[in-house]
Amino acid sequence: MPQRAQNTPICRDCDGFSTAAITTGTRNTDGTRTTLRVTCSGCKGTGHTTPAASLAHTGK
């Protein structure tokens, strides 16, 4: 029987691609490129969002 994929909500800010490597164009002394690793601030690098907390109804 086929396995079902987990239904986890994907981050709307990064579409699941939470980490990116950006090349600055400059080179280090050994010839490699200088790169920056940037993570999504919306999901904090996980690629998924946590479900919204359910609202509690209070009162009469």
PDB file of N, CA and C in Angstrom:
ATOM      1  N   MET A   1       0.845  -1.169   0.000  1.00  0.00           N
ATOM      2  CA  MET A   1       0.000   0.000   0.000  1.00  0.00           C
ATOM      3  C   MET A   1       0.890   1.232   0.000  1.00  0.00           C
ATOM      4  N   PRO A   2       0.602   2.209  -0.843  1.00  0.00           N
ATOM      5  CA  PRO A   2       1.457   3.400  -0.904  1.00  0.00           C
ATOM      6  C   PRO A   2       1.350   4.242   0.365  1.00  0.00           C
ATOM      7  N   GLN A   3       2.457   4.861   0.704  1.00  0.00           N
ATOM      8  CA  GLN A   3       2.493   5.746   1.863  1.00  0.00           C
ATOM      9  C   GLN A   3       1.929   7.107   1.481  1.00  0.00           C
ATOM     10  N   ARG A   4       1.195   7.707   2.392  1.00  0.00           N
ATOM     11  CA  ARG A   4       0.666   9.056   2.148  1.00  0.00           C
ATOM     12  C   ARG A   4       1.677  10.078   2.616  1.00  0.00           C
ATOM     13  N   ALA A   5       1.797  11.144   1.877  1.00  0.00           N
ATOM     14  CA  ALA A   5       2.692  12.233   2.268  1.00  0.00           C
ATOM     15  C   ALA A   5       2.071  12.996   3.432  1.00  0.00           C
ATOM     16  N   GLN A   6       2.942  13.478   4.306  1.00  0.00           N
ATOM     17  CA  GLN A   6       2.467  14.260   5.433  1.00  0.00           C
ATOM     18  C   GLN A   6       1.903  15.580   4.937  1.00  0.00           C
ATOM     19  N   ASN A   7       0.797  15.989   5.474  1.00  0.00           N
ATOM     20  CA  ASN A   7       0.169  17.233   5.066  1.00  0.00           C
ATOM     21  C   ASN A   7       0.613  18.347   6.011  1.00  0.00           C
ATOM     22  N   THR A   8       1.821  18.885   5.788  1.00  0.00           N
ATOM     23  CA  THR A   8       2.311  19.976   6.616  1.00  0.00           C
ATOM     24  C   THR A   8       2.255  21.260   5.803  1.00  0.00           C
ATOM     25  N   PRO A   9       1.772  22.318   6.392  1.00  0.00           N
ATOM     26  CA  PRO A   9       1.676  23.584   5.664  1.00  0.00           C
ATOM     27  C   PRO A   9       3.065  24.145   5.326  1.00  0.00           C
ATOM     28  N   ILE A  10       3.217  24.565   4.092  1.00  0.00           N
ATOM     29  CA  ILE A  10       4.482  25.133   3.630  1.00  0.00           C
ATOM     30  C   ILE A  10       4.485  26.627   3.920  1.00  0.00           C
ATOM     31  N   CYS A  11       5.643  27.138   4.286  1.00  0.00           N
ATOM     32  CA  CYS A  11       5.792  28.563   4.611  1.00  0.00           C
ATOM     33  C   CYS A  11       5.417  29.418   3.395  1.00  0.00           C
ATOM     34  N   ARG A  12       4.595  30.427   3.608  1.00  0.00           N
ATOM     35  CA  ARG A  12       4.160  31.286   2.496  1.00  0.00           C
ATOM     36  C   ARG A  12       5.249  32.262   2.057  1.00  0.00           C
ATOM     37  N   ASP A  13       6.237  32.506   2.920  1.00  0.00           N
ATOM     38  CA  ASP A  13       7.294  33.451   2.567  1.00  0.00           C
ATOM     39  C   ASP A  13       8.359  32.832   1.668  1.00  0.00           C
ATOM     40  N   CYS A  14       8.689  31.552   1.903  1.00  0.00           N
ATOM     41  CA  CYS A  14       9.790  30.946   1.151  1.00  0.00           C
ATOM     42  C   CYS A  14       9.356  29.770   0.279  1.00  0.00           C
ATOM     43  N   ASP A  15       8.089  29.365   0.317  1.00  0.00           N
ATOM     44  CA  ASP A  15       7.547  28.237  -0.454  1.00  0.00           C
ATOM     45  C   ASP A  15       8.293  26.937  -0.191  1.00  0.00           C
ATOM     46  N   GLY A  16       8.804  26.745   1.012  1.00  0.00           N
ATOM     47  CA  GLY A  16       9.477  25.508   1.370  1.00  0.00           C
ATOM     48  C   GLY A  16      10.979  25.513   1.136  1.00  0.00           C
ATOM     49  N   PHE A  17      11.496  26.518   0.448  1.00  0.00           N
ATOM     50  CA  PHE A  17      12.936  26.648   0.230  1.00  0.00           C
ATOM     51  C   PHE A  17      13.471  27.616   1.275  1.00  0.00           C
ATOM     52  N   SER A  18      13.752  27.095   2.463  1.00  0.00           N
ATOM     53  CA  SER A  18      14.010  27.956   3.611  1.00  0.00           C
ATOM     54  C   SER A  18      15.429  28.505   3.689  1.00  0.00           C
ATOM     55  N   THR A  19      16.383  27.887   3.007  1.00  0.00           N
ATOM     56  CA  THR A  19      17.764  28.346   3.060  1.00  0.00           C
ATOM     57  C   THR A  19      18.255  28.603   1.640  1.00  0.00           C
ATOM     58  N   ALA A  20      18.940  29.716   1.462  1.00  0.00           N
ATOM     59  CA  ALA A  20      19.495  30.047   0.150  1.00  0.00           C
ATOM     60  C   ALA A  20      20.966  30.413   0.302  1.00  0.00           C
ATOM     61  N   ALA A  21      21.764  30.058  -0.687  1.00  0.00           N
ATOM     62  CA  ALA A  21      23.172  30.447  -0.720  1.00  0.00           C
ATOM     63  C   ALA A  21      23.315  31.516  -1.795  1.00  0.00           C
ATOM     64  N   ILE A  22      23.800  32.673  -1.402  1.00  0.00           N
ATOM     65  CA  ILE A  22      23.927  33.805  -2.313  1.00  0.00           C
ATOM     66  C   ILE A  22      25.406  34.076  -2.549  1.00  0.00           C
ATOM     67  N   THR A  23      25.806  34.106  -3.813  1.00  0.00           N
ATOM     68  CA  THR A  23      27.196  34.399  -4.154  1.00  0.00           C
ATOM     69  C   THR A  23      27.354  35.899  -4.305  1.00  0.00           C
ATOM     70  N   THR A  24      28.354  36.461  -3.637  1.00  0.00           N
ATOM     71  CA  THR A  24      28.549  37.907  -3.674  1.00  0.00           C
ATOM     72  C   THR A  24      29.326  38.361  -4.903  1.00  0.00           C
ATOM     73  N   GLY A  25      30.008  37.447  -5.568  1.00  0.00           N
ATOM     74  CA  GLY A  25      30.768  37.812  -6.753  1.00  0.00           C
ATOM     75  C   GLY A  25      32.243  38.019  -6.466  1.00  0.00           C
ATOM     76  N   THR A  26      32.602  38.231  -5.227  1.00  0.00           N
ATOM     77  CA  THR A  26      34.015  38.399  -4.891  1.00  0.00           C
ATOM     78  C   THR A  26      34.643  37.042  -4.619  1.00  0.00           C
ATOM     79  N   ARG A  27      35.957  36.979  -4.713  1.00  0.00           N
ATOM     80  CA  ARG A  27      36.668  35.726  -4.495  1.00  0.00           C
ATOM     81  C   ARG A  27      37.556  35.829  -3.261  1.00  0.00           C
ATOM     82  N   ASN A  28      37.726  34.699  -2.590  1.00  0.00           N
ATOM     83  CA  ASN A  28      38.651  34.613  -1.468  1.00  0.00           C
ATOM     84  C   ASN A  28      40.066  34.444  -2.001  1.00  0.00           C
ATOM     85  N   THR A  29      41.051  34.469  -1.119  1.00  0.00           N
ATOM     86  CA  THR A  29      42.446  34.342  -1.557  1.00  0.00           C
ATOM     87  C   THR A  29      42.747  32.975  -2.150  1.00  0.00           C
ATOM     88  N   ASP A  30      41.993  31.940  -1.780  1.00  0.00           N
ATOM     89  CA  ASP A  30      42.220  30.612  -2.346  1.00  0.00           C
ATOM     90  C   ASP A  30      41.454  30.376  -3.645  1.00  0.00           C
ATOM     91  N   GLY A  31      40.710  31.368  -4.123  1.00  0.00           N
ATOM     92  CA  GLY A  31      40.011  31.279  -5.401  1.00  0.00           C
ATOM     93  C   GLY A  31      38.548  30.907  -5.298  1.00  0.00           C
ATOM     94  N   THR A  32      38.075  30.568  -4.115  1.00  0.00           N
ATOM     95  CA  THR A  32      36.663  30.221  -3.964  1.00  0.00           C
ATOM     96  C   THR A  32      35.817  31.485  -3.876  1.00  0.00           C
ATOM     97  N   ARG A  33      34.555  31.349  -4.214  1.00  0.00           N
ATOM     98  CA  ARG A  33      33.641  32.490  -4.155  1.00  0.00           C
ATOM     99  C   ARG A  33      33.146  32.716  -2.727  1.00  0.00           C
ATOM    100  N   THR A  34      32.897  33.969  -2.404  1.00  0.00           N
ATOM    101  CA  THR A  34      32.325  34.322  -1.112  1.00  0.00           C
ATOM    102  C   THR A  34      30.814  34.131  -1.204  1.00  0.00           C
ATOM    103  N   THR A  35      30.261  33.305  -0.305  1.00  0.00           N
ATOM    104  CA  THR A  35      28.817  33.057  -0.311  1.00  0.00           C
ATOM    105  C   THR A  35      28.227  33.376   1.055  1.00  0.00           C
ATOM    106  N   LEU A  36      26.975  33.771   1.036  1.00  0.00           N
ATOM    107  CA  LEU A  36      26.218  34.058   2.251  1.00  0.00           C
ATOM    108  C   LEU A  36      25.083  33.048   2.347  1.00  0.00           C
ATOM    109  N   ARG A  37      24.873  32.484   3.521  1.00  0.00           N
ATOM    110  CA  ARG A  37      23.730  31.595   3.745  1.00  0.00           C
ATOM    111  C   ARG A  37      22.642  32.395   4.444  1.00  0.00           C
ATOM    112  N   VAL A  38      21.460  32.404   3.858  1.00  0.00           N
ATOM    113  CA  VAL A  38      20.342  33.174   4.381  1.00  0.00           C
ATOM    114  C   VAL A  38      19.195  32.216   4.662  1.00  0.00           C
ATOM    115  N   THR A  39      18.607  32.325   5.849  1.00  0.00           N
ATOM    116  CA  THR A  39      17.447  31.501   6.193  1.00  0.00           C
ATOM    117  C   THR A  39      16.203  32.365   6.263  1.00  0.00           C
ATOM    118  N   CYS A  40      15.078  31.752   6.007  1.00  0.00           N
ATOM    119  CA  CYS A  40      13.795  32.449   6.012  1.00  0.00           C
ATOM    120  C   CYS A  40      13.450  32.876   7.438  1.00  0.00           C
ATOM    121  N   SER A  41      13.070  34.114   7.597  1.00  0.00           N
ATOM    122  CA  SER A  41      12.710  34.600   8.937  1.00  0.00           C
ATOM    123  C   SER A  41      11.286  34.210   9.317  1.00  0.00           C
ATOM    124  N   GLY A  42      10.472  33.877   8.339  1.00  0.00           N
ATOM    125  CA  GLY A  42       9.093  33.494   8.640  1.00  0.00           C
ATOM    126  C   GLY A  42       8.990  32.134   9.294  1.00  0.00           C
ATOM    127  N   CYS A  43       9.752  31.164   8.788  1.00  0.00           N
ATOM    128  CA  CYS A  43       9.686  29.801   9.343  1.00  0.00           C
ATOM    129  C   CYS A  43      10.947  29.430  10.104  1.00  0.00           C
ATOM    130  N   LYS A  44      11.901  30.335  10.168  1.00  0.00           N
ATOM    131  CA  LYS A  44      13.165  30.138  10.885  1.00  0.00           C
ATOM    132  C   LYS A  44      13.958  28.938  10.356  1.00  0.00           C
ATOM    133  N   GLY A  45      13.914  28.750   9.038  1.00  0.00           N
ATOM    134  CA  GLY A  45      14.726  27.726   8.394  1.00  0.00           C
ATOM    135  C   GLY A  45      14.122  26.344   8.330  1.00  0.00           C
ATOM    136  N   THR A  46      12.883  26.163   8.744  1.00  0.00           N
ATOM    137  CA  THR A  46      12.291  24.828   8.703  1.00  0.00           C
ATOM    138  C   THR A  46      11.574  24.549   7.390  1.00  0.00           C
ATOM    139  N   GLY A  47      11.071  25.574   6.716  1.00  0.00           N
ATOM    140  CA  GLY A  47      10.328  25.389   5.475  1.00  0.00           C
ATOM    141  C   GLY A  47       8.851  25.156   5.674  1.00  0.00           C
ATOM    142  N   HIS A  48       8.440  24.958   6.932  1.00  0.00           N
ATOM    143  CA  HIS A  48       7.034  24.697   7.244  1.00  0.00           C
ATOM    144  C   HIS A  48       6.578  25.665   8.323  1.00  0.00           C
ATOM    145  N   THR A  49       5.305  25.919   8.325  1.00  0.00           N
ATOM    146  CA  THR A  49       4.742  26.782   9.359  1.00  0.00           C
ATOM    147  C   THR A  49       4.009  25.913  10.368  1.00  0.00           C
ATOM    148  N   THR A  50       3.916  26.397  11.558  1.00  0.00           N
ATOM    149  CA  THR A  50       3.160  25.673  12.580  1.00  0.00           C
ATOM    150  C   THR A  50       1.697  26.043  12.410  1.00  0.00           C
ATOM    151  N   PRO A  51       0.800  25.100  12.646  1.00  0.00           N
ATOM    152  CA  PRO A  51      -0.618  25.423  12.532  1.00  0.00           C
ATOM    153  C   PRO A  51      -1.006  26.527  13.513  1.00  0.00           C
ATOM    154  N   ALA A  52      -1.919  27.353  13.107  1.00  0.00           N
ATOM    155  CA  ALA A  52      -2.364  28.445  13.960  1.00  0.00           C
ATOM    156  C   ALA A  52      -3.050  27.879  15.198  1.00  0.00           C
ATOM    157  N   ALA A  53      -2.816  28.541  16.299  1.00  0.00           N
ATOM    158  CA  ALA A  53      -3.436  28.098  17.549  1.00  0.00           C
ATOM    159  C   ALA A  53      -4.956  28.259  17.420  1.00  0.00           C
ATOM    160  N   SER A  54      -5.671  27.281  17.877  1.00  0.00           N
ATOM    161  CA  SER A  54      -7.128  27.368  17.786  1.00  0.00           C
ATOM    162  C   SER A  54      -7.637  28.423  18.766  1.00  0.00           C
ATOM    163  N   LEU A  55      -8.638  29.100  18.346  1.00  0.00           N
ATOM    164  CA  LEU A  55      -9.212  30.163  19.177  1.00  0.00           C
ATOM    165  C   LEU A  55     -10.157  29.551  20.196  1.00  0.00           C
ATOM    166  N   ALA A  56     -10.046  29.983  21.399  1.00  0.00           N
ATOM    167  CA  ALA A  56     -10.923  29.494  22.462  1.00  0.00           C
ATOM    168  C   ALA A  56     -12.083  30.468  22.616  1.00  0.00           C
ATOM    169  N   HIS A  57     -13.269  29.924  22.669  1.00  0.00           N
ATOM    170  CA  HIS A  57     -14.456  30.756  22.865  1.00  0.00           C
ATOM    171  C   HIS A  57     -14.759  30.849  24.340  1.00  0.00           C
ATOM    172  N   THR A  58     -14.735  32.054  24.862  1.00  0.00           N
ATOM    173  CA  THR A  58     -15.029  32.257  26.281  1.00  0.00           C
ATOM    174  C   THR A  58     -16.266  33.130  26.419  1.00  0.00           C
ATOM    175  N   GLY A  59     -16.881  33.041  27.517  1.00  0.00           N
ATOM    176  CA  GLY A  59     -18.069  33.861  27.753  1.00  0.00           C
ATOM    177  C   GLY A  59     -19.290  32.991  27.974  1.00  0.00           C
ATOM    178  N   LYS A  60     -20.434  33.630  27.964  1.00  0.00           N
ATOM    179  CA  LYS A  60     -21.686  32.907  28.241  1.00  0.00           C
ATOM    180  C   LYS A  60     -22.256  32.296  27.034  1.00  0.00           C
TER     181      LYS A  60
END
